[in-house]
N, C-alpha and C. Protein backbone atom coordinates (compact mmCIF):
# COMPACT_ATOMS: atom_id res chain seq x y z
N MET A 1 0.97 -1.43 -0.50
CA MET A 1 -0.05 0.07 -0.05
C MET A 1 0.76 0.95 0.22
N ARG A 2 0.24 2.00 -0.60
CA ARG A 2 0.96 3.48 -1.45
C ARG A 2 1.08 4.59 0.00
N ILE A 3 1.94 4.90 0.44
CA ILE A 3 1.43 6.36 2.08
C ILE A 3 1.67 6.99 0.49
N ALA A 4 0.45 8.09 0.80
CA ALA A 4 0.51 9.65 0.04
C ALA A 4 1.62 10.51 0.83
N THR A 5 2.27 10.98 0.25
CA THR A 5 3.00 12.01 0.41
C THR A 5 2.72 12.98 -0.14
N ARG A 6 2.74 13.74 1.15
CA ARG A 6 2.67 15.49 0.74
C ARG A 6 3.77 16.00 -0.45
N LYS A 7 3.45 16.57 -1.24
CA LYS A 7 4.59 17.67 -2.25
C LYS A 7 3.84 19.17 -1.90
N ARG A 8 5.00 19.99 -1.23
CA ARG A 8 5.25 20.74 -1.23
C ARG A 8 6.04 21.84 -2.47
N GLY A 9 5.70 23.01 -2.27
CA GLY A 9 6.42 23.78 -3.04
C GLY A 9 5.62 23.84 -4.92
N PHE A 10 5.84 24.75 -5.43
CA PHE A 10 5.63 25.23 -6.43
C PHE A 10 6.09 24.55 -7.59
N SER A 11 5.07 24.05 -8.54
CA SER A 11 4.83 23.40 -10.44
C SER A 11 6.17 24.03 -10.78
N LEU A 12 6.86 24.07 -11.97
CA LEU A 12 7.76 24.90 -13.03
C LEU A 12 6.35 25.69 -13.98
N ILE A 13 5.06 24.56 -14.32
CA ILE A 13 4.44 25.56 -14.95
C ILE A 13 3.06 26.57 -14.31
N GLU A 14 3.04 26.52 -12.86
CA GLU A 14 3.01 26.99 -11.99
C GLU A 14 3.37 28.60 -12.00
N ILE A 15 4.61 28.00 -12.16
CA ILE A 15 5.82 29.38 -11.81
C ILE A 15 5.66 30.05 -13.24
N LEU A 16 5.87 29.68 -14.37
CA LEU A 16 5.47 30.15 -15.91
C LEU A 16 4.71 30.66 -16.56
N ILE A 17 3.35 30.43 -15.75
CA ILE A 17 2.03 30.86 -16.13
C ILE A 17 1.42 32.07 -15.30
N THR A 18 2.05 32.73 -13.91
CA THR A 18 2.28 33.42 -13.16
C THR A 18 3.49 34.42 -13.63
N LEU A 19 5.15 34.36 -14.36
CA LEU A 19 5.57 35.32 -15.14
C LEU A 19 4.70 35.52 -16.06
N VAL A 20 3.87 35.08 -16.74
CA VAL A 20 3.39 35.20 -17.99
C VAL A 20 2.43 35.97 -18.12
N VAL A 21 1.01 36.68 -16.67
CA VAL A 21 0.25 36.98 -16.36
C VAL A 21 1.08 38.31 -15.85
N LEU A 22 1.75 38.08 -15.33
CA LEU A 22 2.36 39.09 -14.71
C LEU A 22 3.15 39.80 -15.55
N SER A 23 3.63 39.73 -16.66
CA SER A 23 4.35 40.49 -17.70
C SER A 23 3.61 40.65 -18.46
N VAL A 24 2.40 40.57 -18.83
CA VAL A 24 0.87 41.00 -19.32
C VAL A 24 0.34 42.17 -18.47
N GLY A 25 0.35 41.59 -17.10
CA GLY A 25 0.23 43.41 -16.34
C GLY A 25 1.06 44.19 -16.31
N LEU A 26 1.96 44.08 -16.34
CA LEU A 26 3.54 45.64 -16.15
C LEU A 26 3.38 45.82 -17.83
N LEU A 27 2.91 44.77 -18.95
CA LEU A 27 2.90 45.63 -20.22
C LEU A 27 1.97 46.83 -20.46
N GLY A 28 0.66 46.21 -18.98
CA GLY A 28 -0.78 47.04 -19.75
C GLY A 28 -0.34 48.58 -19.10
N LEU A 29 -0.32 48.17 -17.52
CA LEU A 29 0.51 49.08 -16.78
C LEU A 29 1.86 49.99 -17.74
N ALA A 30 2.69 49.79 -18.48
CA ALA A 30 3.50 50.53 -18.95
C ALA A 30 2.46 51.54 -20.53
N ALA A 31 1.99 50.54 -20.93
CA ALA A 31 0.83 51.62 -21.95
C ALA A 31 0.45 52.37 -21.66
N LEU A 32 0.00 52.12 -20.06
CA LEU A 32 -1.63 53.25 -19.32
C LEU A 32 -0.72 54.41 -19.10
N HIS A 33 0.65 53.76 -18.60
CA HIS A 33 1.42 55.41 -18.19
C HIS A 33 1.90 55.96 -19.81
N ALA A 34 2.36 55.70 -20.65
CA ALA A 34 2.69 56.05 -21.79
C ALA A 34 1.57 57.10 -21.97
N GLU A 35 -0.13 56.63 -22.11
CA GLU A 35 -0.70 57.01 -22.42
C GLU A 35 -0.97 58.64 -21.70
N GLY A 36 -0.89 58.00 -20.40
CA GLY A 36 -1.29 59.22 -19.31
C GLY A 36 -0.79 60.60 -20.22
N LEU A 37 1.16 60.24 -20.17
CA LEU A 37 1.71 61.27 -20.33
C LEU A 37 1.32 62.16 -22.15
N ARG A 38 1.02 61.04 -22.83
CA ARG A 38 0.90 61.78 -24.06
C ARG A 38 -0.50 63.30 -23.89
N SER A 39 -1.40 62.13 -22.89
CA SER A 39 -2.90 62.72 -22.27
C SER A 39 -2.14 63.63 -21.54
N GLY A 40 -1.02 63.91 -20.79
CA GLY A 40 -0.98 65.33 -20.50
C GLY A 40 -0.35 66.38 -21.65
N ARG A 41 -0.01 65.93 -21.68
CA ARG A 41 1.07 66.56 -23.30
C ARG A 41 -0.29 67.69 -23.91
N SER A 42 -0.52 66.88 -24.09
CA SER A 42 -1.91 67.17 -25.11
C SER A 42 -2.77 68.21 -24.13
N ALA A 43 -3.56 68.12 -22.79
CA ALA A 43 -3.36 69.04 -22.75
C ALA A 43 -2.84 70.32 -22.03
N CYS A 44 -1.45 70.41 -22.48
CA CYS A 44 -1.04 71.77 -21.97
C CYS A 44 -0.32 72.33 -23.20
N LEU A 45 -0.37 71.59 -23.66
CA LEU A 45 -1.35 72.62 -25.15
C LEU A 45 -1.99 72.95 -26.07
N ARG A 46 -2.81 72.10 -25.60
CA ARG A 46 -4.80 73.18 -25.44
C ARG A 46 -5.11 74.10 -24.66
N THR A 47 -4.28 73.68 -22.99
CA THR A 47 -4.36 75.31 -22.49
C THR A 47 -3.41 76.59 -22.91
N LYS A 48 -2.50 76.41 -23.38
CA LYS A 48 -1.84 77.27 -23.91
C LYS A 48 -2.60 78.06 -25.23
N ALA A 49 -3.10 77.11 -25.50
CA ALA A 49 -3.97 77.68 -27.28
C ALA A 49 -5.31 78.72 -26.99
N VAL A 50 -5.75 77.15 -25.59
CA VAL A 50 -6.79 79.31 -25.03
C VAL A 50 -6.26 79.44 -24.87
N ASN A 51 -5.32 80.00 -23.60
CA ASN A 51 -4.86 80.96 -23.72
C ASN A 51 -3.83 82.34 -24.62
N LEU A 52 -3.60 81.97 -25.00
CA LEU A 52 -3.49 82.67 -26.40
C LEU A 52 -4.17 83.08 -27.61
N ALA A 53 -5.08 82.68 -27.23
CA ALA A 53 -6.56 82.66 -28.16
C ALA A 53 -7.33 84.52 -27.39
N SER A 54 -7.36 83.82 -26.15
CA SER A 54 -8.45 84.76 -24.59
C SER A 54 -6.67 86.18 -25.01
N ASP A 55 -5.95 86.30 -25.21
CA ASP A 55 -4.66 87.01 -25.44
C ASP A 55 -4.87 88.06 -26.33
N MET A 56 -5.78 87.11 -27.27
CA MET A 56 -5.45 87.62 -28.41
C MET A 56 -7.21 88.42 -28.45
N ALA A 57 -8.58 87.64 -28.64
CA ALA A 57 -9.25 88.33 -28.52
C ALA A 57 -9.24 89.27 -26.83
N ASP A 58 -8.39 89.83 -26.13
CA ASP A 58 -8.30 91.25 -25.19
C ASP A 58 -7.57 91.93 -26.25
N ARG A 59 -6.67 91.92 -26.84
CA ARG A 59 -6.36 92.68 -27.35
C ARG A 59 -7.19 92.93 -28.54
N MET A 60 -7.90 92.03 -29.31
CA MET A 60 -9.01 93.12 -30.50
C MET A 60 -10.09 93.76 -29.76
N ARG A 61 -10.32 93.13 -28.25
CA ARG A 61 -11.65 94.32 -27.88
C ARG A 61 -10.81 95.54 -27.08
N SER A 62 -9.73 95.71 -26.71
CA SER A 62 -8.99 96.86 -26.21
C SER A 62 -8.72 97.28 -28.00
N ASN A 63 -8.50 97.46 -28.62
CA ASN A 63 -8.31 98.53 -29.59
C ASN A 63 -9.01 97.56 -31.35
N ARG A 64 -10.53 98.30 -30.35
CA ARG A 64 -11.23 97.21 -31.52
C ARG A 64 -11.37 98.18 -33.17
N PRO A 65 -10.33 99.85 -32.82
CA PRO A 65 -10.44 100.08 -34.58
C PRO A 65 -9.51 99.33 -35.61
N ALA A 66 -8.31 98.89 -34.60
CA ALA A 66 -7.95 98.34 -35.10
C ALA A 66 -8.09 97.03 -35.70
N ALA A 67 -8.83 96.87 -34.76
CA ALA A 67 -9.30 94.99 -35.60
C ALA A 67 -10.75 94.87 -36.25
N LEU A 68 -11.20 95.98 -35.93
CA LEU A 68 -12.17 95.64 -37.83
C LEU A 68 -11.48 96.88 -39.13
N ALA A 69 -9.98 96.86 -38.78
CA ALA A 69 -8.91 98.19 -40.16
C ALA A 69 -8.66 96.55 -40.79
N GLY A 70 -8.64 94.81 -39.11
CA GLY A 70 -8.59 94.61 -40.16
C GLY A 70 -6.37 93.72 -39.74
N ASN A 71 -6.11 95.18 -38.76
CA ASN A 71 -4.69 94.75 -38.54
C ASN A 71 -4.31 93.70 -37.85
N TYR A 72 -4.85 92.70 -36.80
CA TYR A 72 -4.67 90.96 -36.78
C TYR A 72 -4.75 89.86 -37.26
N VAL A 73 -5.22 90.54 -38.63
CA VAL A 73 -5.09 89.36 -39.60
C VAL A 73 -3.35 89.04 -39.32
N ASN A 74 -3.70 87.08 -39.80
CA ASN A 74 -2.63 86.31 -39.96
C ASN A 74 -1.72 86.63 -41.47
N ALA A 75 -1.00 86.36 -41.81
CA ALA A 75 -0.22 86.37 -43.11
C ALA A 75 -0.84 85.14 -43.86
N ALA A 76 -0.81 84.64 -45.83
CA ALA A 76 -0.59 83.29 -45.20
C ALA A 76 -0.30 82.44 -44.77
N GLY A 77 0.74 82.52 -45.27
CA GLY A 77 1.73 81.29 -44.27
C GLY A 77 2.42 81.64 -43.05
N ASP A 78 1.64 82.46 -42.14
CA ASP A 78 1.85 82.62 -40.57
C ASP A 78 1.49 81.26 -40.18
N HIS A 79 1.44 79.86 -39.18
CA HIS A 79 0.69 79.52 -38.63
C HIS A 79 1.37 79.11 -37.67
N GLY A 80 1.60 80.39 -36.85
CA GLY A 80 1.78 80.87 -35.54
C GLY A 80 3.05 79.47 -34.48
N SER A 81 2.84 79.67 -33.58
CA SER A 81 5.04 78.70 -33.09
C SER A 81 4.44 77.96 -32.63
N ASN A 82 5.00 76.86 -31.86
CA ASN A 82 4.34 75.64 -30.92
C ASN A 82 5.80 76.64 -29.34
N LYS A 83 6.74 76.82 -29.56
CA LYS A 83 7.62 77.66 -28.55
C LYS A 83 7.08 78.07 -27.47
N ASP A 84 7.82 77.95 -26.68
CA ASP A 84 7.38 78.56 -25.31
C ASP A 84 8.22 79.63 -25.85
N ASN A 85 7.47 80.74 -23.97
CA ASN A 85 8.30 82.44 -24.70
C ASN A 85 9.53 82.15 -23.73
N ASN A 86 10.29 81.14 -23.49
CA ASN A 86 10.86 81.32 -22.48
C ASN A 86 12.14 81.59 -23.01
N GLY A 87 12.71 82.22 -23.98
CA GLY A 87 13.99 82.04 -24.04
C GLY A 87 14.11 82.45 -25.87
N PRO A 88 15.22 82.51 -26.48
CA PRO A 88 15.13 83.00 -28.21
C PRO A 88 14.90 81.70 -28.37
């Protein structure tokens, strides 16, 4: 008659499955982090655009004759700049 021995520890297949599940989770976390960074940059650029548009509207309101004369119209090739005003 055989006496059942109790085995302790994990088998190799259990460890491999655990590593696969863990790696998929970490890849998802990395993708989520990258998307968060991308969204933060987009929000920053949108905030800058709103601030610039608000500033231009305030300038046009304060100088109505020049605005009516079309002095605030950009040239055909001028699309503005995406640079910060923190230096040259």
